[in-house]
Amino acid sequence: MGADMTVARVFPRRTKATPTDDYAFIGDPGLFVPDNIDEVHVSVAFTWDLPEAERLAASWSRIAPVKIGGPATGMRGEEFIPGRYLRPGYVITSRGCPNHCWFCSVYTREGELRELPINDGWNLTDDNILACSESHILAVFAMLSRQKERVQFTGGIEAKLLKPWHIELFKTVRPKQIFFAYDTPDDLSPLEEAARLFREAEYGSRSILRCYVLIGYPGDMFSVAEHRLKTAMRLGFGPMAMLYRDVSGVTTPEWRRFQSLWARPRKIYAKNTETEVSDS
């Protein structure tokens, strides 16, 4: 993309991470589209939005030449440009993951772990930051330490890679949230070990230590999913249910209702009154 090219970025839906500048659009072109757009990029994150992305590409083609890209297309991510496809503050310093999880497309899309140039931001969304080299991790935390906003690790931290020196780094940046994951049964033992390390370091609460818990995948049951969520809570992590979707994106009303009960801390601890935690 040329340095002087004006690009409109179009998204099928708005999320917390969607940019909000004058050249970021949701859906079809409206009545007041800038007349200096040279190219349109339709960015699609979810496979179930691909049909809508194709429709939007046709709709925007009257404005300027259109390209479709994004994780849902299987396109490998390259250089990260702050604010281009993610809201300012979101940052990616590495791509790829050494794991081959059956429910995750990262390893097929991104391949081996790659460390990228480090840009400023406070919401780290790397695929697997702890799989990076020590020098890269130290440089990322040095960047995070100078941010004015409270740091968040929403990309997820792999529990089995956590070491005591990582926790000391977390202490230096005083994060708002650190997300771990409990996706499959073999995640439990590393999650228990991570909980032990945080206890020994006398650091972390359920408002800071969070845990994505995958639910609703083929063969899952409500009682088993609830047990995983309560296990994460018992270990000291604030659980957040993540509803599994296949490429079609189809989910059942029953699983959506269940997920809604386990997606917000206030709801979780209202329902499970034996545990109290701040939602701040």
C-alpha atoms as a PDB file:
ATOM      1  CA  MET A   1       0.000   0.000   0.000  1.00  0.00           C
ATOM      2  CA  GLY A   2       1.482   3.325  -1.086  1.00  0.00           C
ATOM      3  CA  ALA A   3       2.347   5.864   1.568  1.00  0.00           C
ATOM      4  CA  ASP A   4       0.043   8.474  -0.001  1.00  0.00           C
ATOM      5  CA  MET A   5      -2.875   6.100  -0.631  1.00  0.00           C
ATOM      6  CA  THR A   6      -6.103   6.771   1.255  1.00  0.00           C
ATOM      7  CA  VAL A   7      -7.693   3.504   2.324  1.00  0.00           C
ATOM      8  CA  ALA A   8     -11.144   2.955   3.753  1.00  0.00           C
ATOM      9  CA  ARG A   9     -11.366  -0.021   6.107  1.00  0.00           C
ATOM     10  CA  VAL A  10     -14.749  -1.720   6.170  1.00  0.00           C
ATOM     11  CA  PHE A  11     -15.909  -4.174   8.849  1.00  0.00           C
ATOM     12  CA  PRO A  12     -18.980  -6.460   8.814  1.00  0.00           C
ATOM     13  CA  ARG A  13     -19.666  -5.742  12.492  1.00  0.00           C
ATOM     14  CA  ARG A  14     -18.418  -3.526  15.293  1.00  0.00           C
ATOM     15  CA  THR A  15     -16.486  -4.980  18.224  1.00  0.00           C
ATOM     16  CA  LYS A  16     -14.524  -3.415  21.058  1.00  0.00           C
ATOM     17  CA  ALA A  17     -11.433  -3.623  18.854  1.00  0.00           C
ATOM     18  CA  THR A  18     -12.887  -1.914  15.759  1.00  0.00           C
ATOM     19  CA  PRO A  19     -11.234   1.404  14.782  1.00  0.00           C
ATOM     20  CA  THR A  20     -13.399   4.517  15.000  1.00  0.00           C
ATOM     21  CA  ASP A  21     -11.562   7.022  12.784  1.00  0.00           C
ATOM     22  CA  ASP A  22     -13.125   8.765   9.767  1.00  0.00           C
ATOM     23  CA  TYR A  23     -11.974   6.062   7.349  1.00  0.00           C
ATOM     24  CA  ALA A  24     -13.276   3.080   9.329  1.00  0.00           C
ATOM     25  CA  PHE A  25     -16.792   1.974   8.333  1.00  0.00           C
ATOM     26  CA  ILE A  26     -19.307  -0.621   9.461  1.00  0.00           C
ATOM     27  CA  GLY A  27     -21.446  -2.070   6.681  1.00  0.00           C
ATOM     28  CA  ASP A  28     -22.428  -0.363   3.436  1.00  0.00           C
ATOM     29  CA  PRO A  29     -21.182   3.039   2.280  1.00  0.00           C
ATOM     30  CA  GLY A  30     -23.441   5.803   3.544  1.00  0.00           C
ATOM     31  CA  LEU A  31     -24.347   9.130   2.010  1.00  0.00           C
ATOM     32  CA  PHE A  32     -21.253  10.971   3.188  1.00  0.00           C
ATOM     33  CA  VAL A  33     -18.291   8.828   2.195  1.00  0.00           C
ATOM     34  CA  PRO A  34     -15.097  10.888   1.696  1.00  0.00           C
ATOM     35  CA  ASP A  35     -14.353  11.439  -1.994  1.00  0.00           C
ATOM     36  CA  ASN A  36     -10.597  10.860  -1.678  1.00  0.00           C
ATOM     37  CA  ILE A  37     -10.677   7.081  -1.042  1.00  0.00           C
ATOM     38  CA  ASP A  38      -8.210   5.243  -3.299  1.00  0.00           C
ATOM     39  CA  GLU A  39      -8.823   1.687  -2.077  1.00  0.00           C
ATOM     40  CA  VAL A  40     -11.215  -0.201   0.183  1.00  0.00           C
ATOM     41  CA  HIS A  41     -10.144  -3.019   2.493  1.00  0.00           C
ATOM     42  CA  VAL A  42     -12.905  -5.247   3.837  1.00  0.00           C
ATOM     43  CA  SER A  43     -11.513  -6.763   7.045  1.00  0.00           C
ATOM     44  CA  VAL A  44     -13.254  -9.902   8.286  1.00  0.00           C
ATOM     45  CA  ALA A  45     -12.320 -11.574  11.571  1.00  0.00           C
ATOM     46  CA  PHE A  46     -14.932 -14.357  11.756  1.00  0.00           C
ATOM     47  CA  THR A  47     -15.538 -17.058   9.144  1.00  0.00           C
ATOM     48  CA  TRP A  48     -19.317 -16.752   9.521  1.00  0.00           C
ATOM     49  CA  ASP A  49     -19.033 -13.132   8.336  1.00  0.00           C
ATOM     50  CA  LEU A  50     -17.427 -14.097   5.015  1.00  0.00           C
ATOM     51  CA  PRO A  51     -20.721 -13.984   3.024  1.00  0.00           C
ATOM     52  CA  GLU A  52     -21.378 -10.489   4.402  1.00  0.00           C
ATOM     53  CA  ALA A  53     -17.801  -9.497   3.539  1.00  0.00           C
ATOM     54  CA  GLU A  54     -18.367 -10.572  -0.068  1.00  0.00           C
ATOM     55  CA  ARG A  55     -21.571  -8.550  -0.185  1.00  0.00           C
ATOM     56  CA  LEU A  56     -19.835  -5.503   1.266  1.00  0.00           C
ATOM     57  CA  ALA A  57     -17.031  -5.838  -1.280  1.00  0.00           C
ATOM     58  CA  ALA A  58     -19.598  -5.609  -4.079  1.00  0.00           C
ATOM     59  CA  SER A  59     -21.326  -2.671  -2.383  1.00  0.00           C
ATOM     60  CA  TRP A  60     -18.113  -0.705  -1.886  1.00  0.00           C
ATOM     61  CA  SER A  61     -16.770  -1.447  -5.375  1.00  0.00           C
ATOM     62  CA  ARG A  62     -18.577   1.640  -6.671  1.00  0.00           C
ATOM     63  CA  ILE A  63     -16.398   3.756  -4.355  1.00  0.00           C
ATOM     64  CA  ALA A  64     -12.940   2.345  -5.119  1.00  0.00           C
ATOM     65  CA  PRO A  65     -11.145  -0.953  -5.845  1.00  0.00           C
ATOM     66  CA  VAL A  66     -11.789  -3.454  -3.047  1.00  0.00           C
ATOM     67  CA  LYS A  67      -9.670  -6.093  -1.311  1.00  0.00           C
ATOM     68  CA  ILE A  68     -10.927  -8.629   1.237  1.00  0.00           C
ATOM     69  CA  GLY A  69      -8.608  -9.752   4.020  1.00  0.00           C
ATOM     70  CA  GLY A  70      -8.407 -10.584   7.682  1.00  0.00           C
ATOM     71  CA  PRO A  71      -8.089 -13.701   9.859  1.00  0.00           C
ATOM     72  CA  ALA A  72     -11.299 -15.311   8.529  1.00  0.00           C
ATOM     73  CA  THR A  73      -9.838 -15.515   5.026  1.00  0.00           C
ATOM     74  CA  GLY A  74      -6.842 -17.543   6.216  1.00  0.00           C
ATOM     75  CA  MET A  75      -4.583 -14.670   5.233  1.00  0.00           C
ATOM     76  CA  ARG A  76      -1.288 -14.587   7.137  1.00  0.00           C
ATOM     77  CA  GLY A  77      -0.838 -11.409   9.150  1.00  0.00           C
ATOM     78  CA  GLU A  78       2.222  -9.376   8.319  1.00  0.00           C
ATOM     79  CA  GLU A  79       3.485  -6.091   9.733  1.00  0.00           C
ATOM     80  CA  PHE A  80       1.264  -4.675  12.465  1.00  0.00           C
ATOM     81  CA  ILE A  81       0.249  -1.052  11.851  1.00  0.00           C
ATOM     82  CA  PRO A  82      -1.303   0.525  14.967  1.00  0.00           C
ATOM     83  CA  GLY A  83      -4.829   1.789  14.417  1.00  0.00           C
ATOM     84  CA  ARG A  84      -5.253   0.331  10.925  1.00  0.00           C
ATOM     85  CA  TYR A  85      -7.440  -2.719  11.584  1.00  0.00           C
ATOM     86  CA  LEU A  86      -7.548  -2.556  15.388  1.00  0.00           C
ATOM     87  CA  ARG A  87      -8.554   0.386  17.556  1.00  0.00           C
ATOM     88  CA  PRO A  88      -5.617   2.505  18.819  1.00  0.00           C
ATOM     89  CA  GLY A  89      -4.249   0.995  22.023  1.00  0.00           C
ATOM     90  CA  TYR A  90      -4.534  -2.577  20.773  1.00  0.00           C
ATOM     91  CA  VAL A  91      -1.112  -3.903  19.861  1.00  0.00           C
ATOM     92  CA  ILE A  92       0.389  -7.057  18.351  1.00  0.00           C
ATOM     93  CA  THR A  93       4.110  -7.694  18.852  1.00  0.00           C
ATOM     94  CA  SER A  94       4.259 -11.298  17.610  1.00  0.00           C
ATOM     95  CA  ARG A  95       2.227 -13.645  15.444  1.00  0.00           C
ATOM     96  CA  GLY A  96       1.886 -17.397  15.366  1.00  0.00           C
ATOM     97  CA  CYS A  97       1.898 -20.089  18.021  1.00  0.00           C
ATOM     98  CA  PRO A  98       3.828 -23.348  18.509  1.00  0.00           C
ATOM     99  CA  ASN A  99       0.648 -25.180  19.600  1.00  0.00           C
ATOM    100  CA  HIS A 100      -1.704 -27.017  17.234  1.00  0.00           C
ATOM    101  CA  CYS A 101      -4.994 -26.749  19.116  1.00  0.00           C
ATOM    102  CA  TRP A 102      -7.869 -28.400  17.214  1.00  0.00           C
ATOM    103  CA  PHE A 103     -10.236 -25.472  17.751  1.00  0.00           C
ATOM    104  CA  CYS A 104      -7.792 -22.711  16.787  1.00  0.00           C
ATOM    105  CA  SER A 105      -6.752 -21.591  13.294  1.00  0.00           C
ATOM    106  CA  VAL A 106      -3.689 -19.606  14.376  1.00  0.00           C
ATOM    107  CA  TYR A 107      -1.112 -22.276  13.603  1.00  0.00           C
ATOM    108  CA  THR A 108      -2.540 -22.969  10.126  1.00  0.00           C
ATOM    109  CA  ARG A 109      -2.893 -19.285   9.294  1.00  0.00           C
ATOM    110  CA  GLU A 110       0.199 -17.772  10.882  1.00  0.00           C
ATOM    111  CA  GLY A 111       2.639 -20.681  10.983  1.00  0.00           C
ATOM    112  CA  GLU A 112       5.627 -20.580  13.294  1.00  0.00           C
ATOM    113  CA  LEU A 113       5.973 -17.879  15.924  1.00  0.00           C
ATOM    114  CA  ARG A 114       7.335 -14.603  14.540  1.00  0.00           C
ATOM    115  CA  GLU A 115       8.445 -11.641  16.606  1.00  0.00           C
ATOM    116  CA  LEU A 116       7.458  -8.265  15.133  1.00  0.00           C
ATOM    117  CA  PRO A 117       8.688  -4.717  15.684  1.00  0.00           C
ATOM    118  CA  ILE A 118       7.239  -3.417  18.951  1.00  0.00           C
ATOM    119  CA  ASN A 119       4.776  -0.537  18.696  1.00  0.00           C
ATOM    120  CA  ASP A 120       3.188   1.280  21.607  1.00  0.00           C
ATOM    121  CA  GLY A 121      -0.150   0.083  22.965  1.00  0.00           C
ATOM    122  CA  TRP A 122      -1.740  -1.079  26.198  1.00  0.00           C
ATOM    123  CA  ASN A 123      -3.948  -3.988  25.138  1.00  0.00           C
ATOM    124  CA  LEU A 124      -1.624  -6.828  24.134  1.00  0.00           C
ATOM    125  CA  THR A 125      -3.348  -9.253  21.757  1.00  0.00           C
ATOM    126  CA  ASP A 126      -0.442 -11.490  20.682  1.00  0.00           C
ATOM    127  CA  ASP A 127      -1.307 -15.118  19.915  1.00  0.00           C
ATOM    128  CA  ASN A 128       1.155 -16.426  22.528  1.00  0.00           C
ATOM    129  CA  ILE A 129       3.418 -13.783  24.024  1.00  0.00           C
ATOM    130  CA  LEU A 130       5.139 -16.138  26.507  1.00  0.00           C
ATOM    131  CA  ALA A 131       6.316 -18.333  23.620  1.00  0.00           C
ATOM    132  CA  CYS A 132       8.521 -15.442  22.475  1.00  0.00           C
ATOM    133  CA  SER A 133      12.177 -15.045  23.339  1.00  0.00           C
ATOM    134  CA  GLU A 134      13.123 -13.586  26.710  1.00  0.00           C
ATOM    135  CA  SER A 135      14.609 -10.509  25.034  1.00  0.00           C
ATOM    136  CA  HIS A 136      11.372  -9.853  23.155  1.00  0.00           C
ATOM    137  CA  ILE A 137       9.232 -10.328  26.277  1.00  0.00           C
ATOM    138  CA  LEU A 138      11.435  -7.911  28.245  1.00  0.00           C
ATOM    139  CA  ALA A 139      11.212  -5.344  25.446  1.00  0.00           C
ATOM    140  CA  VAL A 140       7.404  -5.685  25.309  1.00  0.00           C
ATOM    141  CA  PHE A 141       7.092  -5.111  29.053  1.00  0.00           C
ATOM    142  CA  ALA A 142       9.403  -2.111  28.805  1.00  0.00           C
ATOM    143  CA  MET A 143       6.988  -0.693  26.221  1.00  0.00           C
ATOM    144  CA  LEU A 144       3.954  -1.510  28.378  1.00  0.00           C
ATOM    145  CA  SER A 145       5.520   0.159  31.413  1.00  0.00           C
ATOM    146  CA  ARG A 146       5.411   3.569  29.720  1.00  0.00           C
ATOM    147  CA  GLN A 147       1.713   3.445  28.765  1.00  0.00           C
ATOM    148  CA  LYS A 148      -0.681   5.897  30.409  1.00  0.00           C
ATOM    149  CA  GLU A 149      -3.657   3.516  30.154  1.00  0.00           C
ATOM    150  CA  ARG A 150      -3.969   0.406  32.331  1.00  0.00           C
ATOM    151  CA  VAL A 151      -2.403  -2.555  30.562  1.00  0.00           C
ATOM    152  CA  GLN A 152      -4.487  -5.568  29.495  1.00  0.00           C
ATOM    153  CA  PHE A 153      -3.378  -8.979  28.232  1.00  0.00           C
ATOM    154  CA  THR A 154      -6.465 -10.016  26.270  1.00  0.00           C
ATOM    155  CA  GLY A 155      -4.622 -12.188  23.760  1.00  0.00           C
ATOM    156  CA  GLY A 156      -4.237 -14.821  26.441  1.00  0.00           C
ATOM    157  CA  ILE A 157      -1.308 -16.132  28.490  1.00  0.00           C
ATOM    158  CA  GLU A 158      -0.381 -19.812  28.163  1.00  0.00           C
ATOM    159  CA  ALA A 159      -0.309 -21.164  31.714  1.00  0.00           C
ATOM    160  CA  LYS A 160       2.209 -23.940  31.040  1.00  0.00           C
ATOM    161  CA  LEU A 161       4.798 -21.345  29.935  1.00  0.00           C
ATOM    162  CA  LEU A 162       4.371 -19.102  32.977  1.00  0.00           C
ATOM    163  CA  LYS A 163       7.492 -18.627  35.144  1.00  0.00           C
ATOM    164  CA  PRO A 164       8.043 -16.639  38.361  1.00  0.00           C
ATOM    165  CA  TRP A 165       9.987 -13.969  36.464  1.00  0.00           C
ATOM    166  CA  HIS A 166       6.962 -13.361  34.254  1.00  0.00           C
ATOM    167  CA  ILE A 167       4.886 -12.625  37.349  1.00  0.00           C
ATOM    168  CA  GLU A 168       7.484 -10.105  38.497  1.00  0.00           C
ATOM    169  CA  LEU A 169       7.093  -8.405  35.113  1.00  0.00           C
ATOM    170  CA  PHE A 170       3.304  -8.358  35.496  1.00  0.00           C
ATOM    171  CA  LYS A 171       3.758  -6.616  38.831  1.00  0.00           C
ATOM    172  CA  THR A 172       5.774  -3.824  37.194  1.00  0.00           C
ATOM    173  CA  VAL A 173       2.990  -2.877  34.748  1.00  0.00           C
ATOM    174  CA  ARG A 174       0.046  -3.336  37.181  1.00  0.00           C
ATOM    175  CA  PRO A 175      -2.344  -4.746  34.572  1.00  0.00           C
ATOM    176  CA  LYS A 176      -6.091  -4.364  34.608  1.00  0.00           C
ATOM    177  CA  GLN A 177      -6.600  -7.894  33.276  1.00  0.00           C
ATOM    178  CA  ILE A 178      -4.476 -10.948  32.452  1.00  0.00           C
ATOM    179  CA  PHE A 179      -6.353 -13.652  30.554  1.00  0.00           C
ATOM    180  CA  PHE A 180      -5.405 -17.323  30.712  1.00  0.00           C
ATOM    181  CA  ALA A 181      -7.302 -20.192  29.044  1.00  0.00           C
ATOM    182  CA  TYR A 182      -9.004 -23.412  30.088  1.00  0.00           C
ATOM    183  CA  ASP A 183     -10.001 -24.871  26.737  1.00  0.00           C
ATOM    184  CA  THR A 184      -9.281 -28.576  27.053  1.00  0.00           C
ATOM    185  CA  PRO A 185      -8.769 -31.011  29.981  1.00  0.00           C
ATOM    186  CA  ASP A 186      -4.985 -30.873  29.646  1.00  0.00           C
ATOM    187  CA  ASP A 187      -5.103 -27.131  30.421  1.00  0.00           C
ATOM    188  CA  LEU A 188      -6.154 -27.834  34.011  1.00  0.00           C
ATOM    189  CA  SER A 189      -2.820 -28.924  35.471  1.00  0.00           C
ATOM    190  CA  PRO A 190      -0.899 -25.905  34.062  1.00  0.00           C
ATOM    191  CA  LEU A 191      -3.680 -23.611  35.263  1.00  0.00           C
ATOM    192  CA  GLU A 192      -3.380 -25.070  38.760  1.00  0.00           C
ATOM    193  CA  GLU A 193       0.377 -24.512  38.651  1.00  0.00           C
ATOM    194  CA  ALA A 194      -0.103 -20.922  37.464  1.00  0.00           C
ATOM    195  CA  ALA A 195      -2.506 -20.324  40.359  1.00  0.00           C
ATOM    196  CA  ARG A 196       0.124 -21.667  42.763  1.00  0.00           C
ATOM    197  CA  LEU A 197       2.801 -19.367  41.343  1.00  0.00           C
ATOM    198  CA  PHE A 198       0.589 -16.313  41.737  1.00  0.00           C
ATOM    199  CA  ARG A 199      -0.269 -17.290  45.321  1.00  0.00           C
ATOM    200  CA  GLU A 200       3.409 -17.695  46.173  1.00  0.00           C
ATOM    201  CA  ALA A 201       4.105 -14.299  44.615  1.00  0.00           C
ATOM    202  CA  GLU A 202       1.227 -12.843  46.664  1.00  0.00           C
ATOM    203  CA  TYR A 203      -0.118 -11.203  43.549  1.00  0.00           C
ATOM    204  CA  GLY A 204      -3.367 -11.219  41.642  1.00  0.00           C
ATOM    205  CA  SER A 205      -7.092 -11.322  42.309  1.00  0.00           C
ATOM    206  CA  ARG A 206     -10.037 -12.582  40.264  1.00  0.00           C
ATOM    207  CA  SER A 207     -10.603  -9.079  38.943  1.00  0.00           C
ATOM    208  CA  ILE A 208      -7.087  -9.176  37.437  1.00  0.00           C
ATOM    209  CA  LEU A 209      -6.505 -12.882  36.783  1.00  0.00           C
ATOM    210  CA  ARG A 210      -9.111 -13.915  34.249  1.00  0.00           C
ATOM    211  CA  CYS A 211      -9.625 -17.152  32.326  1.00  0.00           C
ATOM    212  CA  TYR A 212     -11.242 -17.842  28.978  1.00  0.00           C
ATOM    213  CA  VAL A 213     -13.173 -21.111  29.273  1.00  0.00           C
ATOM    214  CA  LEU A 214     -14.236 -22.746  26.007  1.00  0.00           C
ATOM    215  CA  ILE A 215     -17.792 -24.116  26.123  1.00  0.00           C
ATOM    216  CA  GLY A 216     -20.356 -25.630  23.778  1.00  0.00           C
ATOM    217  CA  TYR A 217     -17.959 -27.568  21.537  1.00  0.00           C
ATOM    218  CA  PRO A 218     -19.058 -30.931  20.062  1.00  0.00           C
ATOM    219  CA  GLY A 219     -19.798 -33.348  22.906  1.00  0.00           C
ATOM    220  CA  ASP A 220     -19.784 -30.691  25.626  1.00  0.00           C
ATOM    221  CA  MET A 221     -22.529 -30.701  28.271  1.00  0.00           C
ATOM    222  CA  PHE A 222     -23.871 -27.886  30.439  1.00  0.00           C
ATOM    223  CA  SER A 223     -22.951 -29.633  33.697  1.00  0.00           C
ATOM    224  CA  VAL A 224     -19.403 -30.335  32.524  1.00  0.00           C
ATOM    225  CA  ALA A 225     -18.949 -26.800  31.187  1.00  0.00           C
ATOM    226  CA  GLU A 226     -20.211 -25.360  34.468  1.00  0.00           C
ATOM    227  CA  HIS A 227     -17.740 -27.548  36.355  1.00  0.00           C
ATOM    228  CA  ARG A 228     -14.849 -26.142  34.281  1.00  0.00           C
ATOM    229  CA  LEU A 229     -16.019 -22.575  34.901  1.00  0.00           C
ATOM    230  CA  LYS A 230     -16.360 -23.139  38.643  1.00  0.00           C
ATOM    231  CA  THR A 231     -12.974 -24.873  38.725  1.00  0.00           C
ATOM    232  CA  ALA A 232     -11.326 -21.806  37.186  1.00  0.00           C
ATOM    233  CA  MET A 233     -13.080 -19.657  39.780  1.00  0.00           C
ATOM    234  CA  ARG A 234     -12.009 -21.952  42.621  1.00  0.00           C
ATOM    235  CA  LEU A 235      -8.385 -21.614  41.456  1.00  0.00           C
ATOM    236  CA  GLY A 236      -8.606 -17.841  41.712  1.00  0.00           C
ATOM    237  CA  PHE A 237      -9.393 -16.857  38.128  1.00  0.00           C
ATOM    238  CA  GLY A 238     -12.379 -14.818  37.034  1.00  0.00           C
ATOM    239  CA  PRO A 239     -13.944 -17.100  34.361  1.00  0.00           C
ATOM    240  CA  MET A 240     -15.231 -15.853  31.028  1.00  0.00           C
ATOM    241  CA  ALA A 241     -17.153 -18.369  28.937  1.00  0.00           C
ATOM    242  CA  MET A 242     -16.201 -18.432  25.251  1.00  0.00           C
ATOM    243  CA  LEU A 243     -18.860 -20.129  23.140  1.00  0.00           C
ATOM    244  CA  TYR A 244     -17.433 -22.463  20.495  1.00  0.00           C
ATOM    245  CA  ARG A 245     -18.464 -21.765  16.889  1.00  0.00           C
ATOM    246  CA  ASP A 246     -17.624 -23.769  13.814  1.00  0.00           C
ATOM    247  CA  VAL A 247     -17.019 -22.116  10.451  1.00  0.00           C
ATOM    248  CA  SER A 248     -20.765 -21.520  10.049  1.00  0.00           C
ATOM    249  CA  GLY A 249     -20.968 -19.609  13.297  1.00  0.00           C
ATOM    250  CA  VAL A 250     -24.186 -21.417  14.248  1.00  0.00           C
ATOM    251  CA  THR A 251     -24.926 -21.735  17.978  1.00  0.00           C
ATOM    252  CA  THR A 252     -27.999 -22.866  19.891  1.00  0.00           C
ATOM    253  CA  PRO A 253     -30.175 -20.553  22.022  1.00  0.00           C
ATOM    254  CA  GLU A 254     -29.540 -22.807  25.033  1.00  0.00           C
ATOM    255  CA  TRP A 255     -25.759 -22.450  24.807  1.00  0.00           C
ATOM    256  CA  ARG A 256     -26.058 -18.706  24.166  1.00  0.00           C
ATOM    257  CA  ARG A 257     -28.148 -18.286  27.314  1.00  0.00           C
ATOM    258  CA  PHE A 258     -25.657 -20.355  29.306  1.00  0.00           C
ATOM    259  CA  GLN A 259     -22.740 -18.339  27.964  1.00  0.00           C
ATOM    260  CA  SER A 260     -24.415 -15.046  28.871  1.00  0.00           C
ATOM    261  CA  LEU A 261     -24.480 -16.141  32.528  1.00  0.00           C
ATOM    262  CA  TRP A 262     -20.728 -16.708  32.503  1.00  0.00           C
ATOM    263  CA  ALA A 263     -19.500 -13.774  30.410  1.00  0.00           C
ATOM    264  CA  ARG A 264     -19.647 -10.849  32.860  1.00  0.00           C
ATOM    265  CA  PRO A 265     -18.103 -10.798  36.348  1.00  0.00           C
ATOM    266  CA  ARG A 266     -21.117  -9.140  37.960  1.00  0.00           C
ATOM    267  CA  LYS A 267     -23.446 -11.834  36.648  1.00  0.00           C
ATOM    268  CA  ILE A 268     -21.049 -14.609  37.601  1.00  0.00           C
ATOM    269  CA  TYR A 269     -20.687 -13.546  41.197  1.00  0.00           C
ATOM    270  CA  ALA A 270     -24.339 -12.660  41.605  1.00  0.00           C
ATOM    271  CA  LYS A 271     -25.122 -16.242  40.568  1.00  0.00           C
ATOM    272  CA  ASN A 272     -22.316 -17.728  42.671  1.00  0.00           C
ATOM    273  CA  THR A 273     -22.739 -15.765  45.874  1.00  0.00           C
ATOM    274  CA  GLU A 274     -20.331 -17.903  47.817  1.00  0.00           C
ATOM    275  CA  THR A 275     -17.508 -16.044  46.036  1.00  0.00           C
ATOM    276  CA  GLU A 276     -16.993 -12.290  46.175  1.00  0.00           C
ATOM    277  CA  VAL A 277     -14.733 -10.312  43.882  1.00  0.00           C
ATOM    278  CA  SER A 278     -14.410  -6.752  42.702  1.00  0.00           C
ATOM    279  CA  ASP A 279     -15.443  -6.003  39.114  1.00  0.00           C
ATOM    280  CA  SER A 280     -13.284  -2.920  38.930  1.00  0.00           C
END
